């Protein structure tokens, strides 16, 4: 297993970050990708990943919520972070029209700049899309032939979006949302439709604690050690052997990110 979406720089992990990593290893998680969502968080993600060589890697980019902070100087600093060996993907970038913490225009500007950045650097994309699928795809599609790979992180969209993403060769990241019997019903129906070689798993920790996890941690905090729980739910929905599926999604992550264990 490989957790392709961990917000390990989050302050919820401040008191026990090394223990969180160790618990993930003991749970069978072979590696993790630490998410950068702003200039500050991207720098922190890269620095944190450097403490766990060959086990942790990082992304660098600006989340649509923070798109209003996009600037020329910030872009230059993102480039510098992406030059570090731990940085293996551009993002988290995309569009989020659900909350619009940044205006749609600001989001599109930052997203377009990061698409160009990934193409220039020949790096994969770590993508975010919420309530913005048509516009998201219209901006993304022209760049897909110019980047090595891309994953739609934390997929929770509908069948039309899934079919479109798959037709464009995108990887699909599935989180503990699939473990929620209230909100995850449509996702549960779609999970079996994802080709095994396009499937990735993630916790999005400390967020999205699997609702059916028992016993639940008193902190209500999600962490990478719970990735096996998500794996087993996804395997059951697909009728797959969880051990085999775990190895498949692990190899998919290495291929997406262009890394080898031990790098």
C-alpha atoms as a PDB file:
ATOM      1  CA  UNK A   1       0.000   0.000   0.000  1.00  0.00           C
ATOM      2  CA  UNK A   2       1.016   3.588  -0.642  1.00  0.00           C
ATOM      3  CA  UNK A   3      -0.863   6.565   0.819  1.00  0.00           C
ATOM      4  CA  UNK A   4      -0.865   9.139  -1.965  1.00  0.00           C
ATOM      5  CA  UNK A   5      -2.495  11.917   0.076  1.00  0.00           C
ATOM      6  CA  UNK A   6      -1.329  12.793   3.594  1.00  0.00           C
ATOM      7  CA  UNK A   7      -1.456  16.281   5.111  1.00  0.00           C
ATOM      8  CA  UNK A   8       1.368  15.376   7.467  1.00  0.00           C
ATOM      9  CA  UNK A   9       2.363  19.011   7.998  1.00  0.00           C
ATOM     10  CA  UNK A  10      -1.008  19.679   9.619  1.00  0.00           C
ATOM     11  CA  UNK A  11      -0.798  20.926  13.197  1.00  0.00           C
ATOM     12  CA  UNK A  12      -2.916  17.984  14.341  1.00  0.00           C
ATOM     13  CA  UNK A  13       0.243  15.903  13.918  1.00  0.00           C
ATOM     14  CA  UNK A  14       2.559  18.347  15.688  1.00  0.00           C
ATOM     15  CA  UNK A  15       2.811  16.373  18.930  1.00  0.00           C
ATOM     16  CA  UNK A  16       3.453  12.896  17.520  1.00  0.00           C
ATOM     17  CA  UNK A  17       4.488  13.114  13.858  1.00  0.00           C
ATOM     18  CA  UNK A  18       7.305  10.511  14.122  1.00  0.00           C
ATOM     19  CA  UNK A  19       4.919   8.104  15.837  1.00  0.00           C
ATOM     20  CA  UNK A  20       2.362   8.605  13.050  1.00  0.00           C
ATOM     21  CA  UNK A  21       4.963   7.613  10.474  1.00  0.00           C
ATOM     22  CA  UNK A  22       6.050   4.611  12.520  1.00  0.00           C
ATOM     23  CA  UNK A  23       2.448   3.425  12.954  1.00  0.00           C
ATOM     24  CA  UNK A  24       1.953   3.681   9.203  1.00  0.00           C
ATOM     25  CA  UNK A  25       4.978   1.474   8.595  1.00  0.00           C
ATOM     26  CA  UNK A  26       3.759  -1.084  11.141  1.00  0.00           C
ATOM     27  CA  UNK A  27       0.338  -1.099   9.424  1.00  0.00           C
ATOM     28  CA  UNK A  28       1.938  -2.088   6.127  1.00  0.00           C
ATOM     29  CA  UNK A  29       1.968   1.304   4.412  1.00  0.00           C
ATOM     30  CA  UNK A  30       5.100   1.204   2.243  1.00  0.00           C
ATOM     31  CA  UNK A  31       5.267   4.904   1.442  1.00  0.00           C
ATOM     32  CA  UNK A  32       3.385   8.165   1.530  1.00  0.00           C
ATOM     33  CA  UNK A  33       3.042  11.391  -0.392  1.00  0.00           C
ATOM     34  CA  UNK A  34       2.892  14.517   1.772  1.00  0.00           C
ATOM     35  CA  UNK A  35       0.615  17.136   0.272  1.00  0.00           C
ATOM     36  CA  UNK A  36       1.630  20.739  -0.324  1.00  0.00           C
ATOM     37  CA  UNK A  37      -1.353  23.092  -0.492  1.00  0.00           C
ATOM     38  CA  UNK A  38       0.287  26.520  -0.325  1.00  0.00           C
ATOM     39  CA  UNK A  39       3.768  27.978  -0.593  1.00  0.00           C
ATOM     40  CA  UNK A  40       4.305  27.600   3.144  1.00  0.00           C
ATOM     41  CA  UNK A  41       2.867  24.082   3.298  1.00  0.00           C
ATOM     42  CA  UNK A  42       4.761  22.992   0.179  1.00  0.00           C
ATOM     43  CA  UNK A  43       8.047  24.027   1.728  1.00  0.00           C
ATOM     44  CA  UNK A  44       7.113  22.290   4.977  1.00  0.00           C
ATOM     45  CA  UNK A  45       6.054  19.140   3.091  1.00  0.00           C
ATOM     46  CA  UNK A  46       9.370  18.930   1.246  1.00  0.00           C
ATOM     47  CA  UNK A  47      11.378  19.486   4.415  1.00  0.00           C
ATOM     48  CA  UNK A  48       9.358  16.862   6.261  1.00  0.00           C
ATOM     49  CA  UNK A  49       9.704  14.330   3.444  1.00  0.00           C
ATOM     50  CA  UNK A  50      13.480  14.822   3.526  1.00  0.00           C
ATOM     51  CA  UNK A  51      13.496  13.385   7.060  1.00  0.00           C
ATOM     52  CA  UNK A  52      12.157  10.059   5.751  1.00  0.00           C
ATOM     53  CA  UNK A  53      14.162   9.352   2.589  1.00  0.00           C
ATOM     54  CA  UNK A  54      12.861   6.482   0.534  1.00  0.00           C
ATOM     55  CA  UNK A  55       9.579   6.464   2.456  1.00  0.00           C
ATOM     56  CA  UNK A  56       8.079   9.944   2.135  1.00  0.00           C
ATOM     57  CA  UNK A  57       7.842  12.222  -0.878  1.00  0.00           C
ATOM     58  CA  UNK A  58       6.000  15.511  -1.348  1.00  0.00           C
ATOM     59  CA  UNK A  59       4.004  17.683  -3.710  1.00  0.00           C
ATOM     60  CA  UNK A  60       4.406  21.413  -4.189  1.00  0.00           C
ATOM     61  CA  UNK A  61       1.674  23.725  -5.349  1.00  0.00           C
ATOM     62  CA  UNK A  62      -1.254  25.924  -4.402  1.00  0.00           C
ATOM     63  CA  UNK A  63      -4.695  24.559  -3.559  1.00  0.00           C
ATOM     64  CA  UNK A  64      -7.680  26.383  -5.121  1.00  0.00           C
ATOM     65  CA  UNK A  65      -8.681  27.596  -1.647  1.00  0.00           C
ATOM     66  CA  UNK A  66      -5.370  29.492  -1.506  1.00  0.00           C
ATOM     67  CA  UNK A  67      -5.349  30.621  -5.134  1.00  0.00           C
ATOM     68  CA  UNK A  68      -5.769  34.270  -4.121  1.00  0.00           C
ATOM     69  CA  UNK A  69      -2.206  34.089  -2.766  1.00  0.00           C
ATOM     70  CA  UNK A  70      -0.730  33.184  -6.171  1.00  0.00           C
ATOM     71  CA  UNK A  71       2.015  35.583  -7.238  1.00  0.00           C
ATOM     72  CA  UNK A  72       5.081  35.717  -9.466  1.00  0.00           C
ATOM     73  CA  UNK A  73       7.410  35.533  -6.487  1.00  0.00           C
ATOM     74  CA  UNK A  74       5.457  32.645  -5.012  1.00  0.00           C
ATOM     75  CA  UNK A  75       5.587  30.830  -8.342  1.00  0.00           C
ATOM     76  CA  UNK A  76       9.375  31.173  -8.405  1.00  0.00           C
ATOM     77  CA  UNK A  77       9.581  29.689  -4.927  1.00  0.00           C
ATOM     78  CA  UNK A  78       7.358  26.760  -5.920  1.00  0.00           C
ATOM     79  CA  UNK A  79       9.749  26.093  -8.806  1.00  0.00           C
ATOM     80  CA  UNK A  80      12.648  25.969  -6.351  1.00  0.00           C
ATOM     81  CA  UNK A  81      10.813  23.541  -4.079  1.00  0.00           C
ATOM     82  CA  UNK A  82      10.008  21.302  -7.051  1.00  0.00           C
ATOM     83  CA  UNK A  83      13.724  21.129  -7.837  1.00  0.00           C
ATOM     84  CA  UNK A  84      14.329  19.219  -4.586  1.00  0.00           C
ATOM     85  CA  UNK A  85      14.552  15.434  -4.879  1.00  0.00           C
ATOM     86  CA  UNK A  86      11.664  14.836  -2.476  1.00  0.00           C
ATOM     87  CA  UNK A  87       9.250  16.823  -4.669  1.00  0.00           C
ATOM     88  CA  UNK A  88       7.628  14.476  -7.156  1.00  0.00           C
ATOM     89  CA  UNK A  89       4.361  16.145  -8.243  1.00  0.00           C
ATOM     90  CA  UNK A  90       2.860  19.572  -8.901  1.00  0.00           C
ATOM     91  CA  UNK A  91      -0.146  20.367  -6.740  1.00  0.00           C
ATOM     92  CA  UNK A  92      -2.429  20.162  -4.953  1.00  0.00           C
ATOM     93  CA  UNK A  93      -3.954  22.261  -7.712  1.00  0.00           C
ATOM     94  CA  UNK A  94      -7.298  22.522  -9.451  1.00  0.00           C
ATOM     95  CA  UNK A  95     -10.692  24.110  -8.938  1.00  0.00           C
ATOM     96  CA  UNK A  96     -13.119  24.170  -6.021  1.00  0.00           C
ATOM     97  CA  UNK A  97     -16.389  25.965  -6.735  1.00  0.00           C
ATOM     98  CA  UNK A  98     -18.042  24.516  -3.640  1.00  0.00           C
ATOM     99  CA  UNK A  99     -16.745  27.122  -1.212  1.00  0.00           C
ATOM    100  CA  UNK A 100     -14.954  29.647  -3.423  1.00  0.00           C
ATOM    101  CA  UNK A 101     -12.521  30.747  -0.714  1.00  0.00           C
ATOM    102  CA  UNK A 102     -10.715  32.215  -3.719  1.00  0.00           C
ATOM    103  CA  UNK A 103     -12.703  33.560  -6.655  1.00  0.00           C
ATOM    104  CA  UNK A 104     -13.172  31.325  -9.696  1.00  0.00           C
ATOM    105  CA  UNK A 105     -10.970  33.693 -11.703  1.00  0.00           C
ATOM    106  CA  UNK A 106      -8.171  33.460  -9.125  1.00  0.00           C
ATOM    107  CA  UNK A 107      -8.513  29.669  -9.055  1.00  0.00           C
ATOM    108  CA  UNK A 108      -8.336  29.370 -12.820  1.00  0.00           C
ATOM    109  CA  UNK A 109      -5.284  31.626 -12.953  1.00  0.00           C
ATOM    110  CA  UNK A 110      -3.376  29.600 -10.356  1.00  0.00           C
ATOM    111  CA  UNK A 111      -4.471  26.284 -11.865  1.00  0.00           C
ATOM    112  CA  UNK A 112      -3.430  27.265 -15.392  1.00  0.00           C
ATOM    113  CA  UNK A 113      -0.034  28.430 -14.149  1.00  0.00           C
ATOM    114  CA  UNK A 114       0.547  25.137 -12.368  1.00  0.00           C
ATOM    115  CA  UNK A 115      -0.503  23.118 -15.415  1.00  0.00           C
ATOM    116  CA  UNK A 116       2.119  24.974 -17.417  1.00  0.00           C
ATOM    117  CA  UNK A 117       4.631  24.407 -14.633  1.00  0.00           C
ATOM    118  CA  UNK A 118       4.055  20.631 -14.650  1.00  0.00           C
ATOM    119  CA  UNK A 119       4.453  20.524 -18.423  1.00  0.00           C
ATOM    120  CA  UNK A 120       7.663  22.537 -18.319  1.00  0.00           C
ATOM    121  CA  UNK A 121       9.155  20.360 -15.584  1.00  0.00           C
ATOM    122  CA  UNK A 122       7.746  17.081 -16.984  1.00  0.00           C
ATOM    123  CA  UNK A 123       6.181  16.271 -13.616  1.00  0.00           C
ATOM    124  CA  UNK A 124       2.901  14.563 -12.685  1.00  0.00           C
ATOM    125  CA  UNK A 125      -0.098  16.507 -11.414  1.00  0.00           C
ATOM    126  CA  UNK A 126      -1.852  16.087  -8.065  1.00  0.00           C
ATOM    127  CA  UNK A 127      -5.329  17.417  -8.788  1.00  0.00           C
ATOM    128  CA  UNK A 128      -8.301  18.726  -6.827  1.00  0.00           C
ATOM    129  CA  UNK A 129     -11.792  19.137  -8.280  1.00  0.00           C
ATOM    130  CA  UNK A 130     -14.984  19.868  -6.379  1.00  0.00           C
ATOM    131  CA  UNK A 131     -18.204  21.091  -7.957  1.00  0.00           C
ATOM    132  CA  UNK A 132     -16.170  22.314 -10.932  1.00  0.00           C
ATOM    133  CA  UNK A 133     -15.836  19.304 -13.220  1.00  0.00           C
ATOM    134  CA  UNK A 134     -16.758  20.873 -16.622  1.00  0.00           C
ATOM    135  CA  UNK A 135     -14.476  23.891 -16.241  1.00  0.00           C
ATOM    136  CA  UNK A 136     -11.778  21.780 -14.576  1.00  0.00           C
ATOM    137  CA  UNK A 137     -11.622  19.442 -17.557  1.00  0.00           C
ATOM    138  CA  UNK A 138     -11.690  22.225 -20.116  1.00  0.00           C
ATOM    139  CA  UNK A 139      -8.571  23.718 -18.542  1.00  0.00           C
ATOM    140  CA  UNK A 140      -6.852  20.395 -17.904  1.00  0.00           C
ATOM    141  CA  UNK A 141      -7.317  18.486 -21.156  1.00  0.00           C
ATOM    142  CA  UNK A 142      -4.973  20.559 -23.361  1.00  0.00           C
ATOM    143  CA  UNK A 143      -2.115  19.839 -20.958  1.00  0.00           C
ATOM    144  CA  UNK A 144      -2.533  16.111 -20.404  1.00  0.00           C
ATOM    145  CA  UNK A 145      -0.415  15.131 -23.386  1.00  0.00           C
ATOM    146  CA  UNK A 146       2.374  17.328 -22.016  1.00  0.00           C
ATOM    147  CA  UNK A 147       2.671  15.819 -18.527  1.00  0.00           C
ATOM    148  CA  UNK A 148       3.735  12.265 -17.614  1.00  0.00           C
ATOM    149  CA  UNK A 149       0.720  11.464 -15.431  1.00  0.00           C
ATOM    150  CA  UNK A 150      -2.011  12.948 -13.248  1.00  0.00           C
ATOM    151  CA  UNK A 151      -4.262  11.846 -10.404  1.00  0.00           C
ATOM    152  CA  UNK A 152      -7.631  13.245  -9.381  1.00  0.00           C
ATOM    153  CA  UNK A 153      -7.146  13.197  -5.631  1.00  0.00           C
ATOM    154  CA  UNK A 154     -10.062  12.392  -3.309  1.00  0.00           C
ATOM    155  CA  UNK A 155     -12.510  11.537  -6.086  1.00  0.00           C
ATOM    156  CA  UNK A 156     -16.154  11.965  -5.029  1.00  0.00           C
ATOM    157  CA  UNK A 157     -17.753  12.980  -8.337  1.00  0.00           C
ATOM    158  CA  UNK A 158     -20.294  11.213 -10.564  1.00  0.00           C
ATOM    159  CA  UNK A 159     -20.180   8.553 -13.304  1.00  0.00           C
ATOM    160  CA  UNK A 160     -19.833  11.089 -16.102  1.00  0.00           C
ATOM    161  CA  UNK A 161     -16.795  12.674 -14.478  1.00  0.00           C
ATOM    162  CA  UNK A 162     -15.243   9.276 -13.760  1.00  0.00           C
ATOM    163  CA  UNK A 163     -15.690   8.130 -17.353  1.00  0.00           C
ATOM    164  CA  UNK A 164     -14.180  11.361 -18.632  1.00  0.00           C
ATOM    165  CA  UNK A 165     -11.207  11.159 -16.269  1.00  0.00           C
ATOM    166  CA  UNK A 166     -10.514   7.553 -17.207  1.00  0.00           C
ATOM    167  CA  UNK A 167     -10.835   8.263 -20.920  1.00  0.00           C
ATOM    168  CA  UNK A 168      -8.104  10.865 -20.499  1.00  0.00           C
ATOM    169  CA  UNK A 169      -5.802   8.410 -18.737  1.00  0.00           C
ATOM    170  CA  UNK A 170      -6.079   9.909 -15.259  1.00  0.00           C
ATOM    171  CA  UNK A 171      -5.492   7.998 -12.050  1.00  0.00           C
ATOM    172  CA  UNK A 172      -8.284   8.065  -9.460  1.00  0.00           C
ATOM    173  CA  UNK A 173      -7.585   8.556  -5.749  1.00  0.00           C
ATOM    174  CA  UNK A 174     -10.071   6.961  -3.346  1.00  0.00           C
ATOM    175  CA  UNK A 175     -10.283   7.972   0.315  1.00  0.00           C
ATOM    176  CA  UNK A 176     -12.242   6.893   3.376  1.00  0.00           C
ATOM    177  CA  UNK A 177     -15.234   8.685   1.871  1.00  0.00           C
ATOM    178  CA  UNK A 178     -16.028   5.241   0.486  1.00  0.00           C
ATOM    179  CA  UNK A 179     -16.488   4.028   4.084  1.00  0.00           C
ATOM    180  CA  UNK A 180     -19.339   6.482   4.747  1.00  0.00           C
ATOM    181  CA  UNK A 181     -22.719   4.789   4.356  1.00  0.00           C
ATOM    182  CA  UNK A 182     -24.428   8.205   4.151  1.00  0.00           C
ATOM    183  CA  UNK A 183     -22.315  10.240   1.730  1.00  0.00           C
ATOM    184  CA  UNK A 184     -20.369   7.490  -0.009  1.00  0.00           C
ATOM    185  CA  UNK A 185     -23.141   5.469  -1.636  1.00  0.00           C
ATOM    186  CA  UNK A 186     -22.565   6.733  -5.186  1.00  0.00           C
ATOM    187  CA  UNK A 187     -18.819   6.363  -4.783  1.00  0.00           C
ATOM    188  CA  UNK A 188     -19.250   2.751  -3.671  1.00  0.00           C
ATOM    189  CA  UNK A 189     -21.090   2.036  -6.913  1.00  0.00           C
ATOM    190  CA  UNK A 190     -18.321   3.623  -8.986  1.00  0.00           C
ATOM    191  CA  UNK A 191     -15.290   2.051  -7.307  1.00  0.00           C
ATOM    192  CA  UNK A 192     -15.681  -1.290  -9.161  1.00  0.00           C
ATOM    193  CA  UNK A 193     -15.621   0.598 -12.484  1.00  0.00           C
ATOM    194  CA  UNK A 194     -12.098   1.937 -11.965  1.00  0.00           C
ATOM    195  CA  UNK A 195      -9.519  -0.197 -13.807  1.00  0.00           C
ATOM    196  CA  UNK A 196      -7.083  -1.725 -11.337  1.00  0.00           C
ATOM    197  CA  UNK A 197      -4.123  -0.027 -13.020  1.00  0.00           C
ATOM    198  CA  UNK A 198      -5.725   3.422 -12.517  1.00  0.00           C
ATOM    199  CA  UNK A 199      -6.700   3.055  -8.860  1.00  0.00           C
ATOM    200  CA  UNK A 200      -4.894   4.774  -5.987  1.00  0.00           C
ATOM    201  CA  UNK A 201      -5.697   4.909  -2.276  1.00  0.00           C
ATOM    202  CA  UNK A 202      -5.244   7.701   0.233  1.00  0.00           C
ATOM    203  CA  UNK A 203      -6.314   8.750   3.703  1.00  0.00           C
ATOM    204  CA  UNK A 204      -6.213  12.547   3.232  1.00  0.00           C
ATOM    205  CA  UNK A 205      -5.215  12.486   6.906  1.00  0.00           C
ATOM    206  CA  UNK A 206      -5.960  14.102   9.292  1.00  0.00           C
ATOM    207  CA  UNK A 207      -9.260  14.574   7.452  1.00  0.00           C
ATOM    208  CA  UNK A 208     -11.875  12.023   6.318  1.00  0.00           C
ATOM    209  CA  UNK A 209     -11.597   9.534   9.151  1.00  0.00           C
ATOM    210  CA  UNK A 210     -13.442   6.417   7.879  1.00  0.00           C
ATOM    211  CA  UNK A 211     -16.911   6.590   9.376  1.00  0.00           C
ATOM    212  CA  UNK A 212     -17.122   2.829   9.905  1.00  0.00           C
ATOM    213  CA  UNK A 213     -13.750   2.539  11.647  1.00  0.00           C
ATOM    214  CA  UNK A 214     -14.104   0.751  14.969  1.00  0.00           C
ATOM    215  CA  UNK A 215     -12.983   1.597  17.512  1.00  0.00           C
ATOM    216  CA  UNK A 216     -12.645   5.229  16.514  1.00  0.00           C
ATOM    217  CA  UNK A 217      -9.711   7.214  17.905  1.00  0.00           C
ATOM    218  CA  UNK A 218     -10.710   9.606  20.669  1.00  0.00           C
ATOM    219  CA  UNK A 219      -9.059  12.451  18.752  1.00  0.00           C
ATOM    220  CA  UNK A 220     -11.272  11.770  15.674  1.00  0.00           C
ATOM    221  CA  UNK A 221      -8.066  12.293  13.697  1.00  0.00           C
ATOM    222  CA  UNK A 222      -7.375  10.245  10.603  1.00  0.00           C
ATOM    223  CA  UNK A 223      -3.846   8.970   9.970  1.00  0.00           C
ATOM    224  CA  UNK A 224      -2.018   6.821   7.396  1.00  0.00           C
ATOM    225  CA  UNK A 225      -2.144   3.720   9.623  1.00  0.00           C
ATOM    226  CA  UNK A 226      -5.854   3.492   8.749  1.00  0.00           C
ATOM    227  CA  UNK A 227      -5.146   3.010   5.046  1.00  0.00           C
ATOM    228  CA  UNK A 228      -5.564  -0.794   5.353  1.00  0.00           C
ATOM    229  CA  UNK A 229      -9.146  -0.197   6.507  1.00  0.00           C
ATOM    230  CA  UNK A 230      -9.841   1.740   3.304  1.00  0.00           C
ATOM    231  CA  UNK A 231      -8.074  -0.923   1.256  1.00  0.00           C
ATOM    232  CA  UNK A 232     -10.277  -3.676   2.646  1.00  0.00           C
ATOM    233  CA  UNK A 233     -13.460  -1.698   1.982  1.00  0.00           C
ATOM    234  CA  UNK A 234     -12.407  -0.990  -1.606  1.00  0.00           C
ATOM    235  CA  UNK A 235     -11.350  -4.609  -2.153  1.00  0.00           C
ATOM    236  CA  UNK A 236     -14.697  -5.861  -0.857  1.00  0.00           C
ATOM    237  CA  UNK A 237     -16.609  -3.533  -3.175  1.00  0.00           C
ATOM    238  CA  UNK A 238     -14.548  -4.708  -6.151  1.00  0.00           C
ATOM    239  CA  UNK A 239     -14.482  -8.387  -5.230  1.00  0.00           C
ATOM    240  CA  UNK A 240     -10.665  -8.247  -5.112  1.00  0.00           C
ATOM    241  CA  UNK A 241      -8.184  -9.930  -2.839  1.00  0.00           C
ATOM    242  CA  UNK A 242      -6.983  -7.145  -0.501  1.00  0.00           C
ATOM    243  CA  UNK A 243      -3.365  -8.311  -0.478  1.00  0.00           C
ATOM    244  CA  UNK A 244      -3.194  -8.350  -4.259  1.00  0.00           C
ATOM    245  CA  UNK A 245      -5.022  -5.027  -4.524  1.00  0.00           C
ATOM    246  CA  UNK A 246      -2.673  -3.491  -1.969  1.00  0.00           C
ATOM    247  CA  UNK A 247       0.315  -4.450  -4.118  1.00  0.00           C
ATOM    248  CA  UNK A 248      -1.410  -3.161  -7.253  1.00  0.00           C
ATOM    249  CA  UNK A 249      -2.162   0.288  -5.826  1.00  0.00           C
ATOM    250  CA  UNK A 250       1.383   0.434  -4.443  1.00  0.00           C
ATOM    251  CA  UNK A 251       2.865  -0.185  -7.887  1.00  0.00           C
ATOM    252  CA  UNK A 252       0.411   2.313  -9.395  1.00  0.00           C
ATOM    253  CA  UNK A 253       1.659   5.001  -6.993  1.00  0.00           C
ATOM    254  CA  UNK A 254       5.291   4.344  -7.860  1.00  0.00           C
ATOM    255  CA  UNK A 255       4.459   4.535 -11.563  1.00  0.00           C
ATOM    256  CA  UNK A 256       2.415   7.732 -11.190  1.00  0.00           C
ATOM    257  CA  UNK A 257       5.142   9.483  -9.224  1.00  0.00           C
ATOM    258  CA  UNK A 258       8.070   8.096 -11.181  1.00  0.00           C
ATOM    259  CA  UNK A 259       9.851   6.828  -8.094  1.00  0.00           C
ATOM    260  CA  UNK A 260      11.473   3.628  -6.919  1.00  0.00           C
ATOM    261  CA  UNK A 261      11.408   2.464  -3.338  1.00  0.00           C
ATOM    262  CA  UNK A 262      14.669   3.565  -1.779  1.00  0.00           C
ATOM    263  CA  UNK A 263      15.000   6.688  -3.963  1.00  0.00           C
END
